[in-house]
């Protein structure tokens, strides 16, 4: 099943076009890595997919429905970038933040059941943050908060996960665990779309690459990327090799 379809998508800020003619699609179980230089439009693309930024041209369809008419947002989990700054005094614990991921599925009055509380606990355990449940969110490190936001996205059992630079604040060992959680989600049929600056290692985890620089430079498997003469011409042989040699053989077996 097609989960996301972007066709000839363009986005403008004032008179400046920041995305031009972007076309790609994902299906159930896909794991797509979106990479590109700073200012290439990666975050703008994610925000446009979620209808947070309007398209100047083209279209986005989520589960077959135009994103400006889509209303089943509980089917999508979103993990935004974590700011370096932390606002002190934000009155919510880790457990409360994660529990908000269940509210979109509930009608008024939105009350958590005993089963909901159990689901929150299981998700905290999955991300190895159950010991943080009672901590205030503003007292956590960037890496801890990123795991909390992934837990919030996962707790509602979405079908699509959109993540924007989710590993930037994680140390290497925690980064591998983070990716393993995403791979397990994908194995169960969930779709993962992750924005990252780490083009050198994302191929260990994602099966498909979208290289973006305000337009689609490449869309396909990592094996195709590494064998592409066109990509050799675009990046140069040395730069292409640096991207490819860290994940020879493509994504981890899934």
Protein backbone atom coordinates (compact mmCIF):
# COMPACT_ATOMS: atom_id res chain seq x y z
CA UNK A 1 0.00 0.00 0.00
CA UNK A 2 1.24 3.47 -0.84
CA UNK A 3 1.69 5.40 2.38
CA UNK A 4 3.11 8.66 1.03
CA UNK A 5 3.15 10.06 -2.51
CA UNK A 6 4.75 13.40 -3.38
CA UNK A 7 4.37 14.51 -6.98
CA UNK A 8 6.13 17.49 -8.58
CA UNK A 9 6.13 19.22 -5.20
CA UNK A 10 7.41 22.80 -4.92
CA UNK A 11 7.52 25.09 -1.88
CA UNK A 12 8.22 28.82 -1.72
CA UNK A 13 9.08 31.14 1.16
CA UNK A 14 8.03 34.58 -0.02
CA UNK A 15 9.49 34.66 -3.55
CA UNK A 16 12.28 32.14 -2.96
CA UNK A 17 11.65 28.58 -4.13
CA UNK A 18 13.13 26.20 -1.56
CA UNK A 19 11.86 22.95 -3.09
CA UNK A 20 11.37 22.32 -6.78
CA UNK A 21 9.65 19.42 -8.52
CA UNK A 22 10.09 16.84 -5.75
CA UNK A 23 8.63 13.45 -6.63
CA UNK A 24 8.92 10.22 -4.61
CA UNK A 25 6.76 7.67 -2.81
CA UNK A 26 6.90 5.16 0.03
CA UNK A 27 4.95 2.01 0.82
CA UNK A 28 4.20 0.00 3.94
CA UNK A 29 7.38 -1.29 5.56
CA UNK A 30 9.72 1.10 3.75
CA UNK A 31 12.65 2.71 5.58
CA UNK A 32 13.64 5.90 3.75
CA UNK A 33 16.58 8.12 4.66
CA UNK A 34 16.41 11.74 3.47
CA UNK A 35 19.86 13.33 3.31
CA UNK A 36 21.35 16.49 1.86
CA UNK A 37 23.41 19.55 2.76
CA UNK A 38 22.28 22.25 5.19
CA UNK A 39 19.63 24.45 3.60
CA UNK A 40 18.64 21.77 1.10
CA UNK A 41 14.97 21.79 2.16
CA UNK A 42 14.85 18.55 4.17
CA UNK A 43 12.92 19.97 7.13
CA UNK A 44 10.71 21.99 4.79
CA UNK A 45 9.82 18.78 2.96
CA UNK A 46 8.77 17.07 6.19
CA UNK A 47 6.70 20.07 7.25
CA UNK A 48 5.04 20.21 3.84
CA UNK A 49 4.19 16.51 4.04
CA UNK A 50 2.44 17.23 7.35
CA UNK A 51 0.64 20.23 5.81
CA UNK A 52 2.42 22.59 8.21
CA UNK A 53 3.89 24.44 5.22
CA UNK A 54 1.76 24.96 2.09
CA UNK A 55 2.87 23.68 -1.29
CA UNK A 56 3.30 26.23 -4.07
CA UNK A 57 2.75 23.50 -6.66
CA UNK A 58 2.34 19.75 -6.85
CA UNK A 59 0.69 17.43 -4.36
CA UNK A 60 1.18 15.21 -1.33
CA UNK A 61 -1.04 12.22 -0.61
CA UNK A 62 -1.10 10.37 2.71
CA UNK A 63 -2.63 6.91 2.58
CA UNK A 64 -4.28 7.89 -0.70
CA UNK A 65 -5.76 11.19 0.56
CA UNK A 66 -4.50 14.69 -0.27
CA UNK A 67 -2.68 15.98 2.80
CA UNK A 68 -4.81 19.13 3.00
CA UNK A 69 -7.89 16.88 3.39
CA UNK A 70 -6.24 14.20 5.49
CA UNK A 71 -7.62 13.95 9.04
CA UNK A 72 -6.41 10.58 10.36
CA UNK A 73 -3.36 12.03 12.07
CA UNK A 74 -3.27 9.24 14.65
CA UNK A 75 -1.85 7.09 11.83
CA UNK A 76 1.28 9.27 11.79
CA UNK A 77 3.95 9.74 14.44
CA UNK A 78 6.17 12.82 14.17
CA UNK A 79 9.49 13.43 15.93
CA UNK A 80 10.67 17.02 15.31
CA UNK A 81 14.16 18.36 15.82
CA UNK A 82 15.11 18.89 19.45
CA UNK A 83 16.22 22.43 20.24
CA UNK A 84 19.51 22.90 22.07
CA UNK A 85 17.81 25.30 24.45
CA UNK A 86 15.59 24.07 27.27
CA UNK A 87 12.80 26.11 28.80
CA UNK A 88 12.88 25.67 32.54
CA UNK A 89 9.68 25.10 34.43
CA UNK A 90 7.72 23.30 31.70
CA UNK A 91 5.11 21.56 33.86
CA UNK A 92 5.08 18.01 32.47
CA UNK A 93 6.78 14.75 33.34
CA UNK A 94 8.17 12.23 30.88
CA UNK A 95 5.22 9.92 31.51
CA UNK A 96 2.74 12.73 30.85
CA UNK A 97 4.50 13.75 27.62
CA UNK A 98 4.49 10.19 26.28
CA UNK A 99 0.83 9.75 27.24
CA UNK A 100 -0.15 12.69 25.02
CA UNK A 101 0.65 10.42 22.08
CA UNK A 102 -2.52 8.47 22.88
CA UNK A 103 -4.89 11.44 23.05
CA UNK A 104 -5.41 11.88 19.30
CA UNK A 105 -7.23 8.53 19.26
CA UNK A 106 -9.67 9.53 21.99
CA UNK A 107 -12.92 11.43 21.99
CA UNK A 108 -13.83 14.04 24.59
CA UNK A 109 -13.39 13.67 27.51
CA UNK A 110 -9.89 12.42 26.78
CA UNK A 111 -9.13 10.24 29.77
CA UNK A 112 -6.45 7.59 30.03
CA UNK A 113 -7.52 4.07 30.94
CA UNK A 114 -5.55 1.52 32.93
CA UNK A 115 -4.63 -0.15 29.64
CA UNK A 116 -3.37 3.20 28.31
CA UNK A 117 -1.11 3.58 31.34
CA UNK A 118 0.22 0.07 30.75
CA UNK A 119 0.91 0.94 27.10
CA UNK A 120 2.84 4.03 28.19
CA UNK A 121 4.93 1.94 30.58
CA UNK A 122 5.67 -0.65 27.87
CA UNK A 123 6.77 2.07 25.45
CA UNK A 124 9.02 3.69 28.05
CA UNK A 125 10.60 0.29 28.67
CA UNK A 126 11.08 -0.25 24.92
CA UNK A 127 13.12 2.97 24.73
CA UNK A 128 14.93 2.20 28.02
CA UNK A 129 13.63 5.36 29.69
CA UNK A 130 11.24 3.87 32.25
CA UNK A 131 13.46 5.26 35.00
CA UNK A 132 12.76 8.77 33.69
CA UNK A 133 8.96 8.49 33.89
CA UNK A 134 8.59 10.89 36.82
CA UNK A 135 11.27 13.35 35.71
CA UNK A 136 10.33 16.78 34.38
CA UNK A 137 10.93 17.01 30.64
CA UNK A 138 12.93 20.24 30.94
CA UNK A 139 15.47 18.52 33.21
CA UNK A 140 16.57 15.97 30.62
CA UNK A 141 19.53 15.96 28.28
CA UNK A 142 18.97 16.37 24.55
CA UNK A 143 19.46 12.65 23.96
CA UNK A 144 17.01 11.71 26.70
CA UNK A 145 14.39 14.11 25.37
CA UNK A 146 14.79 12.70 21.88
CA UNK A 147 13.99 9.22 23.17
CA UNK A 148 10.98 10.64 25.01
CA UNK A 149 9.66 12.18 21.79
CA UNK A 150 10.17 8.90 19.93
CA UNK A 151 8.23 7.14 22.69
CA UNK A 152 5.42 9.68 22.31
CA UNK A 153 5.36 9.03 18.55
CA UNK A 154 5.36 5.24 18.98
CA UNK A 155 2.89 4.88 21.85
CA UNK A 156 -0.15 5.41 19.62
CA UNK A 157 0.96 2.61 17.25
CA UNK A 158 1.17 4.75 14.08
CA UNK A 159 1.63 3.38 10.57
CA UNK A 160 4.06 6.11 9.47
CA UNK A 161 6.93 7.65 11.45
CA UNK A 162 8.42 10.96 10.32
CA UNK A 163 11.63 11.92 12.14
CA UNK A 164 13.66 15.10 11.65
CA UNK A 165 17.33 14.75 12.72
CA UNK A 166 16.38 12.45 15.62
CA UNK A 167 19.88 11.17 16.38
CA UNK A 168 21.74 14.50 16.51
CA UNK A 169 21.82 14.54 20.33
CA UNK A 170 22.48 10.81 20.85
CA UNK A 171 25.80 9.20 21.69
CA UNK A 172 26.94 6.39 19.33
CA UNK A 173 25.75 3.46 21.46
CA UNK A 174 22.33 5.01 22.02
CA UNK A 175 22.14 5.91 18.33
CA UNK A 176 22.42 2.24 17.37
CA UNK A 177 19.66 1.30 19.84
CA UNK A 178 17.50 4.12 18.47
CA UNK A 179 17.89 2.82 14.93
CA UNK A 180 17.21 -0.76 16.02
CA UNK A 181 13.87 0.43 17.40
CA UNK A 182 13.05 2.00 14.03
CA UNK A 183 14.10 -1.16 12.17
CA UNK A 184 11.83 -3.27 14.40
CA UNK A 185 8.96 -0.85 13.65
CA UNK A 186 9.64 -1.24 9.92
CA UNK A 187 9.77 -5.04 10.18
CA UNK A 188 6.26 -4.94 11.64
CA UNK A 189 5.06 -3.14 8.51
CA UNK A 190 5.46 0.46 9.67
CA UNK A 191 6.93 3.06 7.33
CA UNK A 192 9.91 5.13 8.49
CA UNK A 193 11.02 8.42 6.91
CA UNK A 194 14.04 9.91 8.64
CA UNK A 195 15.84 13.17 7.89
CA UNK A 196 19.53 13.05 8.74
CA UNK A 197 22.77 14.84 7.97
CA UNK A 198 24.66 11.58 8.49
CA UNK A 199 24.84 10.31 4.91
CA UNK A 200 27.87 8.22 5.82
CA UNK A 201 26.06 5.78 8.12
CA UNK A 202 22.33 5.96 7.36
CA UNK A 203 22.82 3.18 4.78
CA UNK A 204 23.41 0.73 7.63
CA UNK A 205 19.76 1.13 8.56
CA UNK A 206 17.65 2.57 5.73
CA UNK A 207 16.98 0.58 2.56
CA UNK A 208 16.23 3.62 0.41
CA UNK A 209 17.90 7.01 -0.01
CA UNK A 210 16.46 10.35 -1.08
CA UNK A 211 19.28 12.84 -1.63
CA UNK A 212 17.79 16.33 -1.64
CA UNK A 213 19.30 19.65 -2.62
CA UNK A 214 16.17 21.74 -3.20
CA UNK A 215 15.31 19.12 -5.81
CA UNK A 216 15.68 15.37 -5.93
CA UNK A 217 19.28 14.52 -6.80
CA UNK A 218 18.79 10.79 -6.23
CA UNK A 219 15.97 8.47 -5.16
CA UNK A 220 16.52 4.73 -4.96
CA UNK A 221 18.33 2.00 -3.05
CA UNK A 222 21.79 2.50 -1.58
CA UNK A 223 23.09 -0.21 -3.87
CA UNK A 224 21.83 1.81 -6.85
CA UNK A 225 23.38 4.96 -5.42
CA UNK A 226 26.77 3.35 -4.98
CA UNK A 227 26.75 1.92 -8.51
CA UNK A 228 25.45 5.08 -10.18
CA UNK A 229 27.87 6.74 -12.59
CA UNK A 230 25.60 9.80 -12.52
CA UNK A 231 26.11 10.07 -8.75
CA UNK A 232 29.86 9.63 -9.23
CA UNK A 233 29.79 12.58 -11.61
CA UNK A 234 27.66 14.62 -9.18
CA UNK A 235 29.56 13.96 -5.94
CA UNK A 236 32.98 12.99 -7.23
CA UNK A 237 34.39 9.51 -6.81
CA UNK A 238 35.98 10.22 -3.42
CA UNK A 239 32.83 11.68 -1.81
CA UNK A 240 30.66 8.89 -3.19
CA UNK A 241 33.10 6.32 -1.80
CA UNK A 242 33.00 7.95 1.66
CA UNK A 243 29.21 7.59 1.69
CA UNK A 244 29.20 4.04 0.35
CA UNK A 245 32.08 2.29 2.07
CA UNK A 246 30.50 2.59 5.53
CA UNK A 247 27.51 0.52 4.51
CA UNK A 248 28.70 -1.94 1.90
CA UNK A 249 25.91 -4.38 1.22
CA UNK A 250 23.21 -1.81 1.98
CA UNK A 251 20.82 -1.76 4.90
CA UNK A 252 20.88 -4.29 7.69
CA UNK A 253 18.92 -7.44 6.93
CA UNK A 254 15.31 -6.78 7.77
